[in-house]
Amino acid sequence: MYFFDESELTEINKAEGVVLKTLWGENIMMSLVELSAGAIVPEHVHENEQAGLVLEGEFEFIIGNESKVISKGEYYMIPSNIPHKVITGAKPARALDIFSPPREDYKR
């Protein structure tokens, strides 16, 4: 299968107000991240490299010791095993996350 509709993606409730819609191949994973207003992705680490793009809205992204409010059109890159956390503001936000290799904990 080469093409997917959003309704066909695996949905994961990651935290309160945080929904992931995920698909993956052998070496890469992509997640549409939907963040409700005020949602928080708690600090965590993983072996996978992560890159992403803010599609809508804005949120504070804390990566390692750096913090920045990023908004639509901005990209981010997180190396392996670097702690990171997201805090959504007063409005909902959406982002596209890319992981390599795929996160096993997201495969359901």
PDB file of N, CA and C in Angstrom:
ATOM      1  N   MET A   1       0.846  -1.181   0.000  1.00  0.00           N
ATOM      2  CA  MET A   1       0.000   0.000   0.000  1.00  0.00           C
ATOM      3  C   MET A   1       0.892   1.245   0.000  1.00  0.00           C
ATOM      4  N   TYR A   2       0.610   2.173  -0.885  1.00  0.00           N
ATOM      5  CA  TYR A   2       1.447   3.371  -1.031  1.00  0.00           C
ATOM      6  C   TYR A   2       0.767   4.661  -0.582  1.00  0.00           C
ATOM      7  N   PHE A   3      -0.554   4.676  -0.549  1.00  0.00           N
ATOM      8  CA  PHE A   3      -1.287   5.900  -0.237  1.00  0.00           C
ATOM      9  C   PHE A   3      -2.228   5.650   0.934  1.00  0.00           C
ATOM     10  N   PHE A   4      -2.366   6.660   1.787  1.00  0.00           N
ATOM     11  CA  PHE A   4      -3.172   6.495   2.991  1.00  0.00           C
ATOM     12  C   PHE A   4      -4.045   7.717   3.204  1.00  0.00           C
ATOM     13  N   ASP A   5      -5.224   7.495   3.725  1.00  0.00           N
ATOM     14  CA  ASP A   5      -6.116   8.554   4.165  1.00  0.00           C
ATOM     15  C   ASP A   5      -5.930   8.697   5.680  1.00  0.00           C
ATOM     16  N   GLU A   6      -6.113   9.878   6.196  1.00  0.00           N
ATOM     17  CA  GLU A   6      -5.925  10.103   7.636  1.00  0.00           C
ATOM     18  C   GLU A   6      -6.750   9.129   8.477  1.00  0.00           C
ATOM     19  N   SER A   7      -7.933   8.753   8.001  1.00  0.00           N
ATOM     20  CA  SER A   7      -8.794   7.835   8.757  1.00  0.00           C
ATOM     21  C   SER A   7      -8.205   6.428   8.863  1.00  0.00           C
ATOM     22  N   GLU A   8      -7.224   6.103   8.031  1.00  0.00           N
ATOM     23  CA  GLU A   8      -6.606   4.774   8.041  1.00  0.00           C
ATOM     24  C   GLU A   8      -5.395   4.682   8.976  1.00  0.00           C
ATOM     25  N   LEU A   9      -4.964   5.801   9.525  1.00  0.00           N
ATOM     26  CA  LEU A   9      -3.764   5.810  10.354  1.00  0.00           C
ATOM     27  C   LEU A   9      -4.044   5.265  11.749  1.00  0.00           C
ATOM     28  N   THR A  10      -3.035   4.679  12.364  1.00  0.00           N
ATOM     29  CA  THR A  10      -3.139   4.176  13.732  1.00  0.00           C
ATOM     30  C   THR A  10      -3.215   5.361  14.689  1.00  0.00           C
ATOM     31  N   GLU A  11      -4.268   5.410  15.516  1.00  0.00           N
ATOM     32  CA  GLU A  11      -4.461   6.534  16.434  1.00  0.00           C
ATOM     33  C   GLU A  11      -4.033   6.142  17.846  1.00  0.00           C
ATOM     34  N   ILE A  12      -3.264   7.025  18.468  1.00  0.00           N
ATOM     35  CA  ILE A  12      -2.755   6.800  19.822  1.00  0.00           C
ATOM     36  C   ILE A  12      -3.069   8.038  20.664  1.00  0.00           C
ATOM     37  N   ASN A  13      -3.651   7.840  21.838  1.00  0.00           N
ATOM     38  CA  ASN A  13      -3.824   8.927  22.800  1.00  0.00           C
ATOM     39  C   ASN A  13      -2.583   8.937  23.681  1.00  0.00           C
ATOM     40  N   LYS A  14      -1.669   9.855  23.392  1.00  0.00           N
ATOM     41  CA  LYS A  14      -0.353   9.877  24.046  1.00  0.00           C
ATOM     42  C   LYS A  14      -0.411  10.470  25.452  1.00  0.00           C
ATOM     43  N   ALA A  15      -1.192  11.512  25.617  1.00  0.00           N
ATOM     44  CA  ALA A  15      -1.370  12.177  26.907  1.00  0.00           C
ATOM     45  C   ALA A  15      -2.693  12.922  26.818  1.00  0.00           C
ATOM     46  N   GLU A  16      -3.146  13.495  27.916  1.00  0.00           N
ATOM     47  CA  GLU A  16      -4.408  14.220  27.872  1.00  0.00           C
ATOM     48  C   GLU A  16      -4.312  15.363  26.860  1.00  0.00           C
ATOM     49  N   GLY A  17      -5.203  15.335  25.865  1.00  0.00           N
ATOM     50  CA  GLY A  17      -5.210  16.371  24.843  1.00  0.00           C
ATOM     51  C   GLY A  17      -4.179  16.193  23.751  1.00  0.00           C
ATOM     52  N   VAL A  18      -3.524  15.022  23.693  1.00  0.00           N
ATOM     53  CA  VAL A  18      -2.489  14.755  22.688  1.00  0.00           C
ATOM     54  C   VAL A  18      -2.852  13.471  21.938  1.00  0.00           C
ATOM     55  N   VAL A  19      -3.190  13.618  20.653  1.00  0.00           N
ATOM     56  CA  VAL A  19      -3.564  12.473  19.824  1.00  0.00           C
ATOM     57  C   VAL A  19      -2.580  12.365  18.671  1.00  0.00           C
ATOM     58  N   LEU A  20      -2.062  11.154  18.450  1.00  0.00           N
ATOM     59  CA  LEU A  20      -1.145  10.878  17.343  1.00  0.00           C
ATOM     60  C   LEU A  20      -1.853  10.020  16.313  1.00  0.00           C
ATOM     61  N   LYS A  21      -1.631  10.320  15.049  1.00  0.00           N
ATOM     62  CA  LYS A  21      -2.102   9.479  13.948  1.00  0.00           C
ATOM     63  C   LYS A  21      -0.856   9.079  13.180  1.00  0.00           C
ATOM     64  N   THR A  22      -0.543   7.792  13.215  1.00  0.00           N
ATOM     65  CA  THR A  22       0.791   7.319  12.849  1.00  0.00           C
ATOM     66  C   THR A  22       0.775   6.284  11.737  1.00  0.00           C
ATOM     67  N   LEU A  23       1.801   6.363  10.873  1.00  0.00           N
ATOM     68  CA  LEU A  23       2.070   5.296   9.917  1.00  0.00           C
ATOM     69  C   LEU A  23       3.567   5.111   9.834  1.00  0.00           C
ATOM     70  N   TRP A  24       3.993   3.922   9.395  1.00  0.00           N
ATOM     71  CA  TRP A  24       5.424   3.634   9.374  1.00  0.00           C
ATOM     72  C   TRP A  24       5.764   2.647   8.284  1.00  0.00           C
ATOM     73  N   GLY A  25       7.046   2.701   7.933  1.00  0.00           N
ATOM     74  CA  GLY A  25       7.636   1.742   7.020  1.00  0.00           C
ATOM     75  C   GLY A  25       8.746   1.016   7.755  1.00  0.00           C
ATOM     76  N   GLU A  26       9.655   0.443   7.007  1.00  0.00           N
ATOM     77  CA  GLU A  26      10.731  -0.330   7.622  1.00  0.00           C
ATOM     78  C   GLU A  26      11.701   0.548   8.411  1.00  0.00           C
ATOM     79  N   ASN A  27      12.015   1.745   7.894  1.00  0.00           N
ATOM     80  CA  ASN A  27      13.051   2.581   8.500  1.00  0.00           C
ATOM     81  C   ASN A  27      12.601   3.972   8.915  1.00  0.00           C
ATOM     82  N   ILE A  28      11.334   4.290   8.721  1.00  0.00           N
ATOM     83  CA  ILE A  28      10.862   5.642   9.019  1.00  0.00           C
ATOM     84  C   ILE A  28       9.436   5.586   9.552  1.00  0.00           C
ATOM     85  N   MET A  29       9.093   6.565  10.377  1.00  0.00           N
ATOM     86  CA  MET A  29       7.749   6.674  10.936  1.00  0.00           C
ATOM     87  C   MET A  29       7.316   8.128  10.861  1.00  0.00           C
ATOM     88  N   MET A  30       6.020   8.334  10.608  1.00  0.00           N
ATOM     89  CA  MET A  30       5.463   9.670  10.526  1.00  0.00           C
ATOM     90  C   MET A  30       4.233   9.727  11.430  1.00  0.00           C
ATOM     91  N   SER A  31       4.125  10.795  12.229  1.00  0.00           N
ATOM     92  CA  SER A  31       2.978  10.968  13.118  1.00  0.00           C
ATOM     93  C   SER A  31       2.406  12.366  12.962  1.00  0.00           C
ATOM     94  N   LEU A  32       1.104  12.424  12.722  1.00  0.00           N
ATOM     95  CA  LEU A  32       0.384  13.681  12.784  1.00  0.00           C
ATOM     96  C   LEU A  32       0.027  13.876  14.251  1.00  0.00           C
ATOM     97  N   VAL A  33       0.475  14.970  14.839  1.00  0.00           N
ATOM     98  CA  VAL A  33       0.277  15.225  16.267  1.00  0.00           C
ATOM     99  C   VAL A  33      -0.768  16.319  16.421  1.00  0.00           C
ATOM    100  N   GLU A  34      -1.860  15.997  17.111  1.00  0.00           N
ATOM    101  CA  GLU A  34      -2.923  16.965  17.363  1.00  0.00           C
ATOM    102  C   GLU A  34      -2.908  17.312  18.847  1.00  0.00           C
ATOM    103  N   LEU A  35      -2.684  18.585  19.135  1.00  0.00           N
ATOM    104  CA  LEU A  35      -2.546  19.066  20.511  1.00  0.00           C
ATOM    105  C   LEU A  35      -3.709  19.993  20.847  1.00  0.00           C
ATOM    106  N   SER A  36      -4.468  19.657  21.873  1.00  0.00           N
ATOM    107  CA  SER A  36      -5.538  20.530  22.341  1.00  0.00           C
ATOM    108  C   SER A  36      -4.937  21.732  23.058  1.00  0.00           C
ATOM    109  N   ALA A  37      -5.723  22.791  23.183  1.00  0.00           N
ATOM    110  CA  ALA A  37      -5.271  23.966  23.929  1.00  0.00           C
ATOM    111  C   ALA A  37      -4.873  23.543  25.342  1.00  0.00           C
ATOM    112  N   GLY A  38      -3.715  23.974  25.793  1.00  0.00           N
ATOM    113  CA  GLY A  38      -3.234  23.670  27.133  1.00  0.00           C
ATOM    114  C   GLY A  38      -2.644  22.283  27.318  1.00  0.00           C
ATOM    115  N   ALA A  39      -2.591  21.482  26.265  1.00  0.00           N
ATOM    116  CA  ALA A  39      -2.047  20.121  26.379  1.00  0.00           C
ATOM    117  C   ALA A  39      -0.546  20.151  26.648  1.00  0.00           C
ATOM    118  N   ILE A  40      -0.086  19.135  27.363  1.00  0.00           N
ATOM    119  CA  ILE A  40       1.338  19.004  27.677  1.00  0.00           C
ATOM    120  C   ILE A  40       1.805  17.605  27.296  1.00  0.00           C
ATOM    121  N   VAL A  41       2.895  17.545  26.545  1.00  0.00           N
ATOM    122  CA  VAL A  41       3.590  16.279  26.313  1.00  0.00           C
ATOM    123  C   VAL A  41       4.705  16.253  27.349  1.00  0.00           C
ATOM    124  N   PRO A  42       4.609  15.371  28.352  1.00  0.00           N
ATOM    125  CA  PRO A  42       5.611  15.358  29.426  1.00  0.00           C
ATOM    126  C   PRO A  42       7.024  15.106  28.895  1.00  0.00           C
ATOM    127  N   GLU A  43       8.007  15.575  29.648  1.00  0.00           N
ATOM    128  CA  GLU A  43       9.399  15.355  29.247  1.00  0.00           C
ATOM    129  C   GLU A  43       9.664  13.860  29.087  1.00  0.00           C
ATOM    130  N   HIS A  44      10.349  13.523  28.012  1.00  0.00           N
ATOM    131  CA  HIS A  44      10.681  12.127  27.732  1.00  0.00           C
ATOM    132  C   HIS A  44      11.908  12.070  26.832  1.00  0.00           C
ATOM    133  N   VAL A  45      12.465  10.883  26.683  1.00  0.00           N
ATOM    134  CA  VAL A  45      13.590  10.640  25.776  1.00  0.00           C
ATOM    135  C   VAL A  45      13.325   9.348  25.025  1.00  0.00           C
ATOM    136  N   HIS A  46      13.947   9.213  23.864  1.00  0.00           N
ATOM    137  CA  HIS A  46      13.891   7.971  23.099  1.00  0.00           C
ATOM    138  C   HIS A  46      15.129   7.884  22.226  1.00  0.00           C
ATOM    139  N   GLU A  47      15.460   6.664  21.826  1.00  0.00           N
ATOM    140  CA  GLU A  47      16.645   6.431  20.998  1.00  0.00           C
ATOM    141  C   GLU A  47      16.478   6.966  19.585  1.00  0.00           C
ATOM    142  N   ASN A  48      15.242   7.114  19.142  1.00  0.00           N
ATOM    143  CA  ASN A  48      14.959   7.518  17.769  1.00  0.00           C
ATOM    144  C   ASN A  48      15.281   8.983  17.544  1.00  0.00           C
ATOM    145  N   GLU A  49      15.857   9.296  16.390  1.00  0.00           N
ATOM    146  CA  GLU A  49      15.968  10.694  15.992  1.00  0.00           C
ATOM    147  C   GLU A  49      14.566  11.176  15.642  1.00  0.00           C
ATOM    148  N   GLN A  50      14.318  12.460  15.863  1.00  0.00           N
ATOM    149  CA  GLN A  50      13.000  13.023  15.596  1.00  0.00           C
ATOM    150  C   GLN A  50      13.169  14.373  14.923  1.00  0.00           C
ATOM    151  N   ALA A  51      12.371  14.593  13.900  1.00  0.00           N
ATOM    152  CA  ALA A  51      12.312  15.897  13.244  1.00  0.00           C
ATOM    153  C   ALA A  51      10.845  16.216  13.036  1.00  0.00           C
ATOM    154  N   GLY A  52      10.528  17.486  12.898  1.00  0.00           N
ATOM    155  CA  GLY A  52       9.128  17.819  12.716  1.00  0.00           C
ATOM    156  C   GLY A  52       8.903  19.201  12.155  1.00  0.00           C
ATOM    157  N   LEU A  53       7.624  19.452  11.877  1.00  0.00           N
ATOM    158  CA  LEU A  53       7.160  20.705  11.295  1.00  0.00           C
ATOM    159  C   LEU A  53       5.852  21.083  11.968  1.00  0.00           C
ATOM    160  N   VAL A  54       5.730  22.327  12.410  1.00  0.00           N
ATOM    161  CA  VAL A  54       4.470  22.817  12.961  1.00  0.00           C
ATOM    162  C   VAL A  54       3.539  23.126  11.789  1.00  0.00           C
ATOM    163  N   LEU A  55       2.369  22.491  11.783  1.00  0.00           N
ATOM    164  CA  LEU A  55       1.400  22.672  10.701  1.00  0.00           C
ATOM    165  C   LEU A  55       0.378  23.752  11.011  1.00  0.00           C
ATOM    166  N   GLU A  56      -0.015  23.850  12.277  1.00  0.00           N
ATOM    167  CA  GLU A  56      -1.010  24.843  12.707  1.00  0.00           C
ATOM    168  C   GLU A  56      -0.727  25.239  14.148  1.00  0.00           C
ATOM    169  N   GLY A  57      -1.044  26.477  14.490  1.00  0.00           N
ATOM    170  CA  GLY A  57      -0.919  26.934  15.866  1.00  0.00           C
ATOM    171  C   GLY A  57       0.519  27.141  16.296  1.00  0.00           C
ATOM    172  N   GLU A  58       0.721  27.108  17.607  1.00  0.00           N
ATOM    173  CA  GLU A  58       2.057  27.264  18.169  1.00  0.00           C
ATOM    174  C   GLU A  58       2.126  26.545  19.509  1.00  0.00           C
ATOM    175  N   PHE A  59       3.352  26.236  19.929  1.00  0.00           N
ATOM    176  CA  PHE A  59       3.568  25.616  21.228  1.00  0.00           C
ATOM    177  C   PHE A  59       4.991  25.869  21.677  1.00  0.00           C
ATOM    178  N   GLU A  60       5.190  25.780  22.992  1.00  0.00           N
ATOM    179  CA  GLU A  60       6.539  25.888  23.539  1.00  0.00           C
ATOM    180  C   GLU A  60       7.180  24.511  23.453  1.00  0.00           C
ATOM    181  N   PHE A  61       8.373  24.458  22.880  1.00  0.00           N
ATOM    182  CA  PHE A  61       9.117  23.204  22.770  1.00  0.00           C
ATOM    183  C   PHE A  61      10.377  23.356  23.603  1.00  0.00           C
ATOM    184  N   ILE A  62      10.563  22.474  24.559  1.00  0.00           N
ATOM    185  CA  ILE A  62      11.755  22.476  25.395  1.00  0.00           C
ATOM    186  C   ILE A  62      12.575  21.257  24.984  1.00  0.00           C
ATOM    187  N   ILE A  63      13.750  21.504  24.423  1.00  0.00           N
ATOM    188  CA  ILE A  63      14.631  20.438  23.951  1.00  0.00           C
ATOM    189  C   ILE A  63      15.965  20.611  24.668  1.00  0.00           C
ATOM    190  N   GLY A  64      16.327  19.614  25.471  1.00  0.00           N
ATOM    191  CA  GLY A  64      17.537  19.755  26.279  1.00  0.00           C
ATOM    192  C   GLY A  64      17.383  20.955  27.194  1.00  0.00           C
ATOM    193  N   ASN A  65      18.312  21.907  27.114  1.00  0.00           N
ATOM    194  CA  ASN A  65      18.257  23.118  27.932  1.00  0.00           C
ATOM    195  C   ASN A  65      17.723  24.322  27.174  1.00  0.00           C
ATOM    196  N   GLU A  66      17.222  24.104  25.953  1.00  0.00           N
ATOM    197  CA  GLU A  66      16.709  25.210  25.146  1.00  0.00           C
ATOM    198  C   GLU A  66      15.191  25.187  25.104  1.00  0.00           C
ATOM    199  N   SER A  67      14.592  26.371  25.152  1.00  0.00           N
ATOM    200  CA  SER A  67      13.145  26.510  25.084  1.00  0.00           C
ATOM    201  C   SER A  67      12.799  27.563  24.040  1.00  0.00           C
ATOM    202  N   LYS A  68      11.794  27.266  23.212  1.00  0.00           N
ATOM    203  CA  LYS A  68      11.381  28.224  22.192  1.00  0.00           C
ATOM    204  C   LYS A  68       9.914  28.001  21.872  1.00  0.00           C
ATOM    205  N   VAL A  69       9.172  29.090  21.695  1.00  0.00           N
ATOM    206  CA  VAL A  69       7.809  28.995  21.184  1.00  0.00           C
ATOM    207  C   VAL A  69       7.922  28.947  19.670  1.00  0.00           C
ATOM    208  N   ILE A  70       7.414  27.860  19.085  1.00  0.00           N
ATOM    209  CA  ILE A  70       7.482  27.705  17.634  1.00  0.00           C
ATOM    210  C   ILE A  70       6.067  27.677  17.070  1.00  0.00           C
ATOM    211  N   SER A  71       5.937  28.121  15.820  1.00  0.00           N
ATOM    212  CA  SER A  71       4.613  28.240  15.215  1.00  0.00           C
ATOM    213  C   SER A  71       4.619  27.716  13.783  1.00  0.00           C
ATOM    214  N   LYS A  72       3.460  27.783  13.160  1.00  0.00           N
ATOM    215  CA  LYS A  72       3.249  27.247  11.816  1.00  0.00           C
ATOM    216  C   LYS A  72       4.415  27.583  10.885  1.00  0.00           C
ATOM    217  N   GLY A  73       4.922  26.535  10.232  1.00  0.00           N
ATOM    218  CA  GLY A  73       6.008  26.704   9.275  1.00  0.00           C
ATOM    219  C   GLY A  73       7.398  26.522   9.848  1.00  0.00           C
ATOM    220  N   GLU A  74       7.515  26.376  11.176  1.00  0.00           N
ATOM    221  CA  GLU A  74       8.834  26.185  11.784  1.00  0.00           C
ATOM    222  C   GLU A  74       9.127  24.696  11.975  1.00  0.00           C
ATOM    223  N   TYR A  75      10.407  24.352  11.825  1.00  0.00           N
ATOM    224  CA  TYR A  75      10.882  22.973  11.928  1.00  0.00           C
ATOM    225  C   TYR A  75      11.661  22.781  13.219  1.00  0.00           C
ATOM    226  N   TYR A  76      11.798  21.530  13.631  1.00  0.00           N
ATOM    227  CA  TYR A  76      12.619  21.197  14.792  1.00  0.00           C
ATOM    228  C   TYR A  76      13.315  19.861  14.553  1.00  0.00           C
ATOM    229  N   MET A  77      14.441  19.672  15.247  1.00  0.00           N
ATOM    230  CA  MET A  77      15.242  18.452  15.131  1.00  0.00           C
ATOM    231  C   MET A  77      15.679  18.042  16.530  1.00  0.00           C
ATOM    232  N   ILE A  78      15.453  16.775  16.873  1.00  0.00           N
ATOM    233  CA  ILE A  78      15.821  16.265  18.193  1.00  0.00           C
ATOM    234  C   ILE A  78      16.712  15.038  18.006  1.00  0.00           C
ATOM    235  N   PRO A  79      17.983  15.126  18.403  1.00  0.00           N
ATOM    236  CA  PRO A  79      18.862  13.958  18.322  1.00  0.00           C
ATOM    237  C   PRO A  79      18.416  12.857  19.295  1.00  0.00           C
ATOM    238  N   SER A  80      18.975  11.684  19.133  1.00  0.00           N
ATOM    239  CA  SER A  80      18.691  10.557  20.030  1.00  0.00           C
ATOM    240  C   SER A  80      18.984  10.913  21.482  1.00  0.00           C
ATOM    241  N   ASN A  81      18.126  10.439  22.368  1.00  0.00           N
ATOM    242  CA  ASN A  81      18.329  10.503  23.820  1.00  0.00           C
ATOM    243  C   ASN A  81      18.454  11.908  24.408  1.00  0.00           C
ATOM    244  N   ILE A  82      17.861  12.900  23.759  1.00  0.00           N
ATOM    245  CA  ILE A  82      17.828  14.261  24.305  1.00  0.00           C
ATOM    246  C   ILE A  82      16.441  14.482  24.915  1.00  0.00           C
ATOM    247  N   PRO A  83      16.349  14.872  26.197  1.00  0.00           N
ATOM    248  CA  PRO A  83      15.041  15.103  26.815  1.00  0.00           C
ATOM    249  C   PRO A  83      14.296  16.239  26.110  1.00  0.00           C
ATOM    250  N   HIS A  84      12.983  16.071  25.958  1.00  0.00           N
ATOM    251  CA  HIS A  84      12.174  17.119  25.339  1.00  0.00           C
ATOM    252  C   HIS A  84      10.742  17.070  25.853  1.00  0.00           C
ATOM    253  N   LYS A  85      10.071  18.221  25.741  1.00  0.00           N
ATOM    254  CA  LYS A  85       8.733  18.412  26.298  1.00  0.00           C
ATOM    255  C   LYS A  85       8.014  19.465  25.463  1.00  0.00           C
ATOM    256  N   VAL A  86       6.682  19.355  25.372  1.00  0.00           N
ATOM    257  CA  VAL A  86       5.878  20.329  24.631  1.00  0.00           C
ATOM    258  C   VAL A  86       4.790  20.879  25.547  1.00  0.00           C
ATOM    259  N   ILE A  87       4.579  22.191  25.481  1.00  0.00           N
ATOM    260  CA  ILE A  87       3.497  22.841  26.213  1.00  0.00           C
ATOM    261  C   ILE A  87       2.704  23.670  25.209  1.00  0.00           C
ATOM    262  N   THR A  88       1.451  23.285  25.003  1.00  0.00           N
ATOM    263  CA  THR A  88       0.596  23.997  24.060  1.00  0.00           C
ATOM    264  C   THR A  88       0.005  25.225  24.738  1.00  0.00           C
ATOM    265  N   GLY A  89      -0.173  26.288  23.975  1.00  0.00           N
ATOM    266  CA  GLY A  89      -0.734  27.523  24.500  1.00  0.00           C
ATOM    267  C   GLY A  89      -2.253  27.499  24.564  1.00  0.00           C
ATOM    268  N   ALA A  90      -2.861  28.660  24.399  1.00  0.00           N
ATOM    269  CA  ALA A  90      -4.305  28.823  24.554  1.00  0.00           C
ATOM    270  C   ALA A  90      -5.111  28.291  23.374  1.00  0.00           C
ATOM    271  N   LYS A  91      -4.437  27.975  22.268  1.00  0.00           N
ATOM    272  CA  LYS A  91      -5.136  27.472  21.080  1.00  0.00           C
ATOM    273  C   LYS A  91      -4.573  26.107  20.697  1.00  0.00           C
ATOM    274  N   PRO A  92      -5.380  25.275  20.029  1.00  0.00           N
ATOM    275  CA  PRO A  92      -4.881  23.971  19.574  1.00  0.00           C
ATOM    276  C   PRO A  92      -3.748  24.124  18.560  1.00  0.00           C
ATOM    277  N   ALA A  93      -2.987  23.053  18.385  1.00  0.00           N
ATOM    278  CA  ALA A  93      -1.884  23.057  17.420  1.00  0.00           C
ATOM    279  C   ALA A  93      -1.793  21.681  16.762  1.00  0.00           C
ATOM    280  N   ARG A  94      -1.149  21.644  15.597  1.00  0.00           N
ATOM    281  CA  ARG A  94      -0.885  20.384  14.888  1.00  0.00           C
ATOM    282  C   ARG A  94       0.555  20.404  14.405  1.00  0.00           C
ATOM    283  N   ALA A  95       1.182  19.241  14.439  1.00  0.00           N
ATOM    284  CA  ALA A  95       2.555  19.118  13.950  1.00  0.00           C
ATOM    285  C   ALA A  95       2.700  17.775  13.245  1.00  0.00           C
ATOM    286  N   LEU A  96       3.723  17.673  12.433  1.00  0.00           N
ATOM    287  CA  LEU A  96       4.070  16.421  11.778  1.00  0.00           C
ATOM    288  C   LEU A  96       5.424  15.994  12.310  1.00  0.00           C
ATOM    289  N   ASP A  97       5.477  14.834  12.968  1.00  0.00           N
ATOM    290  CA  ASP A  97       6.725  14.292  13.506  1.00  0.00           C
ATOM    291  C   ASP A  97       7.226  13.166  12.616  1.00  0.00           C
ATOM    292  N   ILE A  98       8.540  13.127  12.414  1.00  0.00           N
ATOM    293  CA  ILE A  98       9.204  12.062  11.661  1.00  0.00           C
ATOM    294  C   ILE A  98      10.195  11.395  12.614  1.00  0.00           C
ATOM    295  N   PHE A  99      10.197  10.075  12.649  1.00  0.00           N
ATOM    296  CA  PHE A  99      11.111   9.320  13.505  1.00  0.00           C
ATOM    297  C   PHE A  99      11.911   8.325  12.677  1.00  0.00           C
ATOM    298  N   SER A 100      13.178   8.172  13.029  1.00  0.00           N
ATOM    299  CA  SER A 100      13.997   7.125  12.429  1.00  0.00           C
ATOM    300  C   SER A 100      14.942   6.598  13.494  1.00  0.00           C
ATOM    301  N   PRO A 101      14.970   5.285  13.693  1.00  0.00           N
ATOM    302  CA  PRO A 101      14.041   4.301  13.136  1.00  0.00           C
ATOM    303  C   PRO A 101      12.651   4.481  13.746  1.00  0.00           C
ATOM    304  N   PRO A 102      11.644   3.749  13.238  1.00  0.00           N
ATOM    305  CA  PRO A 102      10.294   3.852  13.800  1.00  0.00           C
ATOM    306  C   PRO A 102      10.277   3.539  15.299  1.00  0.00           C
ATOM    307  N   ARG A 103       9.409   4.207  16.017  1.00  0.00           N
ATOM    308  CA  ARG A 103       9.249   3.950  17.456  1.00  0.00           C
ATOM    309  C   ARG A 103       8.389   2.711  17.651  1.00  0.00           C
ATOM    310  N   GLU A 104       8.941   1.713  18.279  1.00  0.00           N
ATOM    311  CA  GLU A 104       8.194   0.469  18.508  1.00  0.00           C
ATOM    312  C   GLU A 104       6.975   0.701  19.400  1.00  0.00           C
ATOM    313  N   ASP A 105       7.088   1.649  20.365  1.00  0.00           N
ATOM    314  CA  ASP A 105       5.968   1.901  21.268  1.00  0.00           C
ATOM    315  C   ASP A 105       4.789   2.579  20.574  1.00  0.00           C
ATOM    316  N   TYR A 106       4.964   3.072  19.352  1.00  0.00           N
ATOM    317  CA  TYR A 106       3.871   3.678  18.595  1.00  0.00           C
ATOM    318  C   TYR A 106       3.206   2.687  17.646  1.00  0.00           C
ATOM    319  N   LYS A 107       3.773   1.524  17.486  1.00  0.00           N
ATOM    320  CA  LYS A 107       3.204   0.512  16.591  1.00  0.00           C
ATOM    321  C   LYS A 107       2.153  -0.286  17.351  1.00  0.00           C
ATOM    322  N   ARG A 108       0.908  -0.037  17.035  1.00  0.00           N
ATOM    323  CA  ARG A 108      -0.191  -0.752  17.714  1.00  0.00           C
ATOM    324  C   ARG A 108      -1.162  -1.281  16.695  1.00  0.00           C
TER     325      ARG A 108
END
